[in-house]
Amino acid sequence: DAGPAARPAQAHVVASARGGALTVAPRLPVGLTARGGWDATALELPPGRWTDALGSWSGSGTAPLADVLADLPVALLVKES
């Protein structure tokens, strides 16, 4: 499973791992916009390198949500083999 999102906007993200994929989506987007966006909020990923099947992000370890969700408002991260 993905680890918790690190502050400051952790209440504005939902992430779920299932079947070798990790879905990431914002929640409460009006409040997220009102607070000024993601700032330094990041998601702790499971071990390995991950690539967004829907966008251009790839990385490992800590995933800054501003980068992961830069292309689309949702991400589908898959673990590289």
PDB file of N, CA and C in Angstrom:
ATOM      1  N   ASP A   1       0.828  -1.193   0.000  1.00  0.00           N
ATOM      2  CA  ASP A   1       0.000   0.000   0.000  1.00  0.00           C
ATOM      3  C   ASP A   1       0.867   1.250   0.000  1.00  0.00           C
ATOM      4  N   ALA A   2       0.336   2.311  -0.527  1.00  0.00           N
ATOM      5  CA  ALA A   2       1.026   3.587  -0.479  1.00  0.00           C
ATOM      6  C   ALA A   2       0.997   4.096   0.950  1.00  0.00           C
ATOM      7  N   GLY A   3       2.062   4.760   1.317  1.00  0.00           N
ATOM      8  CA  GLY A   3       2.121   5.357   2.641  1.00  0.00           C
ATOM      9  C   GLY A   3       1.277   6.608   2.685  1.00  0.00           C
ATOM     10  N   PRO A   4       1.178   7.186   3.846  1.00  0.00           N
ATOM     11  CA  PRO A   4       0.364   8.398   3.974  1.00  0.00           C
ATOM     12  C   PRO A   4       0.977   9.574   3.228  1.00  0.00           C
ATOM     13  N   ALA A   5       0.136  10.508   2.885  1.00  0.00           N
ATOM     14  CA  ALA A   5       0.621  11.748   2.285  1.00  0.00           C
ATOM     15  C   ALA A   5       1.193  12.616   3.392  1.00  0.00           C
ATOM     16  N   ALA A   6       2.327  13.210   3.115  1.00  0.00           N
ATOM     17  CA  ALA A   6       2.937  14.125   4.072  1.00  0.00           C
ATOM     18  C   ALA A   6       2.269  15.484   3.954  1.00  0.00           C
ATOM     19  N   ARG A   7       2.160  16.193   5.039  1.00  0.00           N
ATOM     20  CA  ARG A   7       1.509  17.501   5.080  1.00  0.00           C
ATOM     21  C   ARG A   7       2.060  18.408   4.008  1.00  0.00           C
ATOM     22  N   PRO A   8       1.458  19.523   3.679  1.00  0.00           N
ATOM     23  CA  PRO A   8       0.396  20.234   4.367  1.00  0.00           C
ATOM     24  C   PRO A   8      -1.006  19.993   3.812  1.00  0.00           C
ATOM     25  N   ALA A   9      -1.168  19.417   2.620  1.00  0.00           N
ATOM     26  CA  ALA A   9      -2.505  19.259   2.035  1.00  0.00           C
ATOM     27  C   ALA A   9      -2.928  17.792   1.997  1.00  0.00           C
ATOM     28  N   GLN A  10      -2.529  17.019   2.988  1.00  0.00           N
ATOM     29  CA  GLN A  10      -2.799  15.582   2.976  1.00  0.00           C
ATOM     30  C   GLN A  10      -4.289  15.250   2.990  1.00  0.00           C
ATOM     31  N   ALA A  11      -5.116  16.119   3.505  1.00  0.00           N
ATOM     32  CA  ALA A  11      -6.558  15.860   3.535  1.00  0.00           C
ATOM     33  C   ALA A  11      -7.192  15.954   2.146  1.00  0.00           C
ATOM     34  N   HIS A  12      -6.429  16.395   1.164  1.00  0.00           N
ATOM     35  CA  HIS A  12      -6.965  16.621  -0.173  1.00  0.00           C
ATOM     36  C   HIS A  12      -6.566  15.549  -1.181  1.00  0.00           C
ATOM     37  N   VAL A  13      -6.057  14.411  -0.719  1.00  0.00           N
ATOM     38  CA  VAL A  13      -5.662  13.351  -1.644  1.00  0.00           C
ATOM     39  C   VAL A  13      -6.198  11.999  -1.168  1.00  0.00           C
ATOM     40  N   VAL A  14      -6.563  11.178  -2.147  1.00  0.00           N
ATOM     41  CA  VAL A  14      -6.963   9.793  -1.896  1.00  0.00           C
ATOM     42  C   VAL A  14      -6.045   8.930  -2.755  1.00  0.00           C
ATOM     43  N   ALA A  15      -5.434   7.914  -2.138  1.00  0.00           N
ATOM     44  CA  ALA A  15      -4.568   6.999  -2.881  1.00  0.00           C
ATOM     45  C   ALA A  15      -4.901   5.576  -2.456  1.00  0.00           C
ATOM     46  N   SER A  16      -4.944   4.690  -3.430  1.00  0.00           N
ATOM     47  CA  SER A  16      -5.295   3.308  -3.153  1.00  0.00           C
ATOM     48  C   SER A  16      -4.472   2.378  -4.035  1.00  0.00           C
ATOM     49  N   ALA A  17      -3.916   1.334  -3.431  1.00  0.00           N
ATOM     50  CA  ALA A  17      -3.136   0.341  -4.174  1.00  0.00           C
ATOM     51  C   ALA A  17      -3.950  -0.932  -4.329  1.00  0.00           C
ATOM     52  N   ARG A  18      -3.942  -1.486  -5.551  1.00  0.00           N
ATOM     53  CA  ARG A  18      -4.641  -2.748  -5.804  1.00  0.00           C
ATOM     54  C   ARG A  18      -4.100  -3.340  -7.102  1.00  0.00           C
ATOM     55  N   GLY A  19      -3.786  -4.615  -7.063  1.00  0.00           N
ATOM     56  CA  GLY A  19      -3.383  -5.315  -8.279  1.00  0.00           C
ATOM     57  C   GLY A  19      -2.139  -4.775  -8.934  1.00  0.00           C
ATOM     58  N   GLY A  20      -1.182  -4.281  -8.164  1.00  0.00           N
ATOM     59  CA  GLY A  20       0.062  -3.772  -8.732  1.00  0.00           C
ATOM     60  C   GLY A  20      -0.017  -2.358  -9.269  1.00  0.00           C
ATOM     61  N   ALA A  21      -1.113  -1.671  -9.017  1.00  0.00           N
ATOM     62  CA  ALA A  21      -1.272  -0.285  -9.462  1.00  0.00           C
ATOM     63  C   ALA A  21      -1.663   0.581  -8.272  1.00  0.00           C
ATOM     64  N   LEU A  22      -1.362   1.840  -8.379  1.00  0.00           N
ATOM     65  CA  LEU A  22      -1.668   2.804  -7.327  1.00  0.00           C
ATOM     66  C   LEU A  22      -2.431   3.957  -7.963  1.00  0.00           C
ATOM     67  N   THR A  23      -3.673   4.159  -7.529  1.00  0.00           N
ATOM     68  CA  THR A  23      -4.465   5.276  -8.036  1.00  0.00           C
ATOM     69  C   THR A  23      -4.325   6.457  -7.093  1.00  0.00           C
ATOM     70  N   VAL A  24      -4.253   7.641  -7.664  1.00  0.00           N
ATOM     71  CA  VAL A  24      -4.109   8.876  -6.892  1.00  0.00           C
ATOM     72  C   VAL A  24      -5.105   9.881  -7.440  1.00  0.00           C
ATOM     73  N   ALA A  25      -5.887  10.485  -6.543  1.00  0.00           N
ATOM     74  CA  ALA A  25      -6.883  11.474  -6.973  1.00  0.00           C
ATOM     75  C   ALA A  25      -7.041  12.533  -5.887  1.00  0.00           C
ATOM     76  N   PRO A  26      -7.301  13.771  -6.292  1.00  0.00           N
ATOM     77  CA  PRO A  26      -7.573  14.800  -5.302  1.00  0.00           C
ATOM     78  C   PRO A  26      -8.961  14.637  -4.715  1.00  0.00           C
ATOM     79  N   ARG A  27      -9.158  15.146  -3.528  1.00  0.00           N
ATOM     80  CA  ARG A  27     -10.488  15.207  -2.916  1.00  0.00           C
ATOM     81  C   ARG A  27     -10.655  16.623  -2.380  1.00  0.00           C
ATOM     82  N   LEU A  28     -11.882  17.049  -2.297  1.00  0.00           N
ATOM     83  CA  LEU A  28     -12.194  18.404  -1.838  1.00  0.00           C
ATOM     84  C   LEU A  28     -11.409  19.451  -2.637  1.00  0.00           C
ATOM     85  N   PRO A  29     -11.553  19.443  -3.986  1.00  0.00           N
ATOM     86  CA  PRO A  29     -10.732  20.328  -4.820  1.00  0.00           C
ATOM     87  C   PRO A  29     -10.970  21.823  -4.596  1.00  0.00           C
ATOM     88  N   VAL A  30     -12.160  22.215  -4.200  1.00  0.00           N
ATOM     89  CA  VAL A  30     -12.410  23.643  -3.940  1.00  0.00           C
ATOM     90  C   VAL A  30     -11.560  24.104  -2.755  1.00  0.00           C
ATOM     91  N   GLY A  31     -11.515  23.293  -1.711  1.00  0.00           N
ATOM     92  CA  GLY A  31     -10.679  23.619  -0.558  1.00  0.00           C
ATOM     93  C   GLY A  31      -9.199  23.591  -0.896  1.00  0.00           C
ATOM     94  N   LEU A  32      -8.797  22.661  -1.758  1.00  0.00           N
ATOM     95  CA  LEU A  32      -7.402  22.589  -2.188  1.00  0.00           C
ATOM     96  C   LEU A  32      -7.007  23.858  -2.931  1.00  0.00           C
ATOM     97  N   THR A  33      -7.880  24.310  -3.824  1.00  0.00           N
ATOM     98  CA  THR A  33      -7.612  25.549  -4.555  1.00  0.00           C
ATOM     99  C   THR A  33      -7.581  26.740  -3.607  1.00  0.00           C
ATOM    100  N   ALA A  34      -8.499  26.779  -2.654  1.00  0.00           N
ATOM    101  CA  ALA A  34      -8.561  27.895  -1.700  1.00  0.00           C
ATOM    102  C   ALA A  34      -7.301  27.975  -0.843  1.00  0.00           C
ATOM    103  N   ARG A  35      -6.694  26.833  -0.536  1.00  0.00           N
ATOM    104  CA  ARG A  35      -5.486  26.845   0.286  1.00  0.00           C
ATOM    105  C   ARG A  35      -4.229  27.095  -0.541  1.00  0.00           C
ATOM    106  N   GLY A  36      -4.376  27.184  -1.871  1.00  0.00           N
ATOM    107  CA  GLY A  36      -3.235  27.519  -2.713  1.00  0.00           C
ATOM    108  C   GLY A  36      -2.545  26.341  -3.363  1.00  0.00           C
ATOM    109  N   GLY A  37      -3.158  25.170  -3.358  1.00  0.00           N
ATOM    110  CA  GLY A  37      -2.581  24.018  -4.056  1.00  0.00           C
ATOM    111  C   GLY A  37      -1.847  23.066  -3.129  1.00  0.00           C
ATOM    112  N   TRP A  38      -1.018  22.234  -3.737  1.00  0.00           N
ATOM    113  CA  TRP A  38      -0.370  21.131  -3.020  1.00  0.00           C
ATOM    114  C   TRP A  38       0.803  21.542  -2.139  1.00  0.00           C
ATOM    115  N   ASP A  39       1.434  22.666  -2.409  1.00  0.00           N
ATOM    116  CA  ASP A  39       2.660  23.049  -1.686  1.00  0.00           C
ATOM    117  C   ASP A  39       3.646  21.886  -1.739  1.00  0.00           C
ATOM    118  N   ALA A  40       4.151  21.460  -0.602  1.00  0.00           N
ATOM    119  CA  ALA A  40       5.148  20.384  -0.546  1.00  0.00           C
ATOM    120  C   ALA A  40       4.523  19.031  -0.207  1.00  0.00           C
ATOM    121  N   THR A  41       3.214  18.884  -0.365  1.00  0.00           N
ATOM    122  CA  THR A  41       2.559  17.626  -0.031  1.00  0.00           C
ATOM    123  C   THR A  41       3.063  16.522  -0.963  1.00  0.00           C
ATOM    124  N   ALA A  42       3.403  15.379  -0.381  1.00  0.00           N
ATOM    125  CA  ALA A  42       3.964  14.272  -1.152  1.00  0.00           C
ATOM    126  C   ALA A  42       3.395  12.951  -0.654  1.00  0.00           C
ATOM    127  N   LEU A  43       3.463  11.955  -1.501  1.00  0.00           N
ATOM    128  CA  LEU A  43       2.986  10.616  -1.180  1.00  0.00           C
ATOM    129  C   LEU A  43       4.193   9.690  -1.064  1.00  0.00           C
ATOM    130  N   GLU A  44       4.244   8.921   0.020  1.00  0.00           N
ATOM    131  CA  GLU A  44       5.303   7.926   0.189  1.00  0.00           C
ATOM    132  C   GLU A  44       4.913   6.678  -0.597  1.00  0.00           C
ATOM    133  N   LEU A  45       5.708   6.339  -1.593  1.00  0.00           N
ATOM    134  CA  LEU A  45       5.405   5.200  -2.453  1.00  0.00           C
ATOM    135  C   LEU A  45       6.004   3.909  -1.899  1.00  0.00           C
ATOM    136  N   PRO A  46       5.386   2.777  -2.232  1.00  0.00           N
ATOM    137  CA  PRO A  46       5.999   1.495  -1.893  1.00  0.00           C
ATOM    138  C   PRO A  46       7.357   1.379  -2.605  1.00  0.00           C
ATOM    139  N   PRO A  47       8.215   0.475  -2.157  1.00  0.00           N
ATOM    140  CA  PRO A  47       9.528   0.327  -2.797  1.00  0.00           C
ATOM    141  C   PRO A  47       9.418   0.069  -4.300  1.00  0.00           C
ATOM    142  N   GLY A  48      10.392   0.553  -5.044  1.00  0.00           N
ATOM    143  CA  GLY A  48      10.449   0.372  -6.488  1.00  0.00           C
ATOM    144  C   GLY A  48      10.266   1.682  -7.227  1.00  0.00           C
ATOM    145  N   ARG A  49      10.370   1.597  -8.541  1.00  0.00           N
ATOM    146  CA  ARG A  49      10.178   2.768  -9.395  1.00  0.00           C
ATOM    147  C   ARG A  49       8.783   2.690 -10.000  1.00  0.00           C
ATOM    148  N   TRP A  50       8.078   3.823 -10.005  1.00  0.00           N
ATOM    149  CA  TRP A  50       6.683   3.898 -10.444  1.00  0.00           C
ATOM    150  C   TRP A  50       6.549   4.875 -11.611  1.00  0.00           C
ATOM    151  N   THR A  51       5.661   4.553 -12.545  1.00  0.00           N
ATOM    152  CA  THR A  51       5.392   5.403 -13.705  1.00  0.00           C
ATOM    153  C   THR A  51       3.893   5.625 -13.821  1.00  0.00           C
ATOM    154  N   ASP A  52       3.508   6.851 -14.141  1.00  0.00           N
ATOM    155  CA  ASP A  52       2.097   7.179 -14.338  1.00  0.00           C
ATOM    156  C   ASP A  52       1.676   6.718 -15.733  1.00  0.00           C
ATOM    157  N   ALA A  53       0.762   5.767 -15.800  1.00  0.00           N
ATOM    158  CA  ALA A  53       0.280   5.238 -17.077  1.00  0.00           C
ATOM    159  C   ALA A  53      -0.566   6.261 -17.839  1.00  0.00           C
ATOM    160  N   LEU A  54      -1.051   7.286 -17.166  1.00  0.00           N
ATOM    161  CA  LEU A  54      -1.902   8.289 -17.798  1.00  0.00           C
ATOM    162  C   LEU A  54      -1.157   9.585 -18.106  1.00  0.00           C
ATOM    163  N   GLY A  55      -0.067   9.838 -17.422  1.00  0.00           N
ATOM    164  CA  GLY A  55       0.676  11.082 -17.571  1.00  0.00           C
ATOM    165  C   GLY A  55       2.147  10.830 -17.795  1.00  0.00           C
ATOM    166  N   SER A  56       2.974  11.795 -17.420  1.00  0.00           N
ATOM    167  CA  SER A  56       4.406  11.704 -17.710  1.00  0.00           C
ATOM    168  C   SER A  56       5.281  11.499 -16.482  1.00  0.00           C
ATOM    169  N   TRP A  57       4.705  11.467 -15.282  1.00  0.00           N
ATOM    170  CA  TRP A  57       5.520  11.369 -14.074  1.00  0.00           C
ATOM    171  C   TRP A  57       6.077   9.967 -13.890  1.00  0.00           C
ATOM    172  N   SER A  58       7.302   9.878 -13.391  1.00  0.00           N
ATOM    173  CA  SER A  58       7.871   8.610 -12.930  1.00  0.00           C
ATOM    174  C   SER A  58       8.859   8.928 -11.822  1.00  0.00           C
ATOM    175  N   GLY A  59       8.995   7.996 -10.878  1.00  0.00           N
ATOM    176  CA  GLY A  59       9.912   8.204  -9.776  1.00  0.00           C
ATOM    177  C   GLY A  59       9.771   7.124  -8.728  1.00  0.00           C
ATOM    178  N   SER A  60      10.430   7.337  -7.620  1.00  0.00           N
ATOM    179  CA  SER A  60      10.398   6.377  -6.515  1.00  0.00           C
ATOM    180  C   SER A  60      10.499   7.138  -5.204  1.00  0.00           C
ATOM    181  N   GLY A  61      10.242   6.438  -4.116  1.00  0.00           N
ATOM    182  CA  GLY A  61      10.368   7.057  -2.798  1.00  0.00           C
ATOM    183  C   GLY A  61       9.228   8.000  -2.492  1.00  0.00           C
ATOM    184  N   THR A  62       9.524   9.274  -2.463  1.00  0.00           N
ATOM    185  CA  THR A  62       8.533  10.303  -2.164  1.00  0.00           C
ATOM    186  C   THR A  62       8.087  10.963  -3.460  1.00  0.00           C
ATOM    187  N   ALA A  63       6.772  10.992  -3.685  1.00  0.00           N
ATOM    188  CA  ALA A  63       6.207  11.544  -4.917  1.00  0.00           C
ATOM    189  C   ALA A  63       5.500  12.859  -4.620  1.00  0.00           C
ATOM    190  N   PRO A  64       6.070  14.003  -5.029  1.00  0.00           N
ATOM    191  CA  PRO A  64       5.386  15.284  -4.820  1.00  0.00           C
ATOM    192  C   PRO A  64       4.076  15.317  -5.612  1.00  0.00           C
ATOM    193  N   LEU A  65       2.971  15.577  -4.935  1.00  0.00           N
ATOM    194  CA  LEU A  65       1.672  15.541  -5.603  1.00  0.00           C
ATOM    195  C   LEU A  65       1.538  16.608  -6.681  1.00  0.00           C
ATOM    196  N   ALA A  66       2.178  17.736  -6.525  1.00  0.00           N
ATOM    197  CA  ALA A  66       2.125  18.767  -7.570  1.00  0.00           C
ATOM    198  C   ALA A  66       2.727  18.234  -8.866  1.00  0.00           C
ATOM    199  N   ASP A  67       3.731  17.356  -8.776  1.00  0.00           N
ATOM    200  CA  ASP A  67       4.353  16.767  -9.965  1.00  0.00           C
ATOM    201  C   ASP A  67       3.528  15.595 -10.496  1.00  0.00           C
ATOM    202  N   VAL A  68       3.091  14.712  -9.598  1.00  0.00           N
ATOM    203  CA  VAL A  68       2.322  13.529 -10.004  1.00  0.00           C
ATOM    204  C   VAL A  68       1.035  13.941 -10.709  1.00  0.00           C
ATOM    205  N   LEU A  69       0.377  14.976 -10.223  1.00  0.00           N
ATOM    206  CA  LEU A  69      -0.904  15.410 -10.773  1.00  0.00           C
ATOM    207  C   LEU A  69      -0.777  16.641 -11.671  1.00  0.00           C
ATOM    208  N   ALA A  70       0.403  16.867 -12.228  1.00  0.00           N
ATOM    209  CA  ALA A  70       0.624  18.035 -13.089  1.00  0.00           C
ATOM    210  C   ALA A  70      -0.064  17.898 -14.445  1.00  0.00           C
ATOM    211  N   ASP A  71      -0.107  16.692 -15.010  1.00  0.00           N
ATOM    212  CA  ASP A  71      -0.682  16.486 -16.343  1.00  0.00           C
ATOM    213  C   ASP A  71      -2.204  16.348 -16.308  1.00  0.00           C
ATOM    214  N   LEU A  72      -2.701  15.588 -15.342  1.00  0.00           N
ATOM    215  CA  LEU A  72      -4.130  15.296 -15.218  1.00  0.00           C
ATOM    216  C   LEU A  72      -4.533  15.376 -13.749  1.00  0.00           C
ATOM    217  N   PRO A  73      -5.815  15.493 -13.452  1.00  0.00           N
ATOM    218  CA  PRO A  73      -6.233  15.546 -12.050  1.00  0.00           C
ATOM    219  C   PRO A  73      -6.220  14.185 -11.355  1.00  0.00           C
ATOM    220  N   VAL A  74      -5.885  13.121 -12.079  1.00  0.00           N
ATOM    221  CA  VAL A  74      -5.767  11.785 -11.499  1.00  0.00           C
ATOM    222  C   VAL A  74      -4.494  11.140 -12.034  1.00  0.00           C
ATOM    223  N   ALA A  75      -4.007  10.129 -11.305  1.00  0.00           N
ATOM    224  CA  ALA A  75      -2.831   9.393 -11.780  1.00  0.00           C
ATOM    225  C   ALA A  75      -3.057   7.908 -11.532  1.00  0.00           C
ATOM    226  N   LEU A  76      -2.499   7.083 -12.420  1.00  0.00           N
ATOM    227  CA  LEU A  76      -2.510   5.637 -12.282  1.00  0.00           C
ATOM    228  C   LEU A  76      -1.050   5.194 -12.326  1.00  0.00           C
ATOM    229  N   LEU A  77      -0.473   4.994 -11.149  1.00  0.00           N
ATOM    230  CA  LEU A  77       0.937   4.636 -11.067  1.00  0.00           C
ATOM    231  C   LEU A  77       1.074   3.114 -11.140  1.00  0.00           C
ATOM    232  N   VAL A  78       1.976   2.671 -11.991  1.00  0.00           N
ATOM    233  CA  VAL A  78       2.269   1.242 -12.110  1.00  0.00           C
ATOM    234  C   VAL A  78       3.751   1.036 -11.826  1.00  0.00           C
ATOM    235  N   LYS A  79       4.046  -0.059 -11.161  1.00  0.00           N
ATOM    236  CA  LYS A  79       5.425  -0.351 -10.791  1.00  0.00           C
ATOM    237  C   LYS A  79       6.176  -0.872 -12.004  1.00  0.00           C
ATOM    238  N   GLU A  80       7.348  -0.286 -12.243  1.00  0.00           N
ATOM    239  CA  GLU A  80       8.175  -0.750 -13.347  1.00  0.00           C
ATOM    240  C   GLU A  80       8.793  -2.095 -12.967  1.00  0.00           C
ATOM    241  N   SER A  81       8.956  -2.960 -13.971  1.00  0.00           N
ATOM    242  CA  SER A  81       9.535  -4.270 -13.671  1.00  0.00           C
ATOM    243  C   SER A  81      11.037  -4.296 -13.886  1.00  0.00           C
TER     244      SER A  81
END
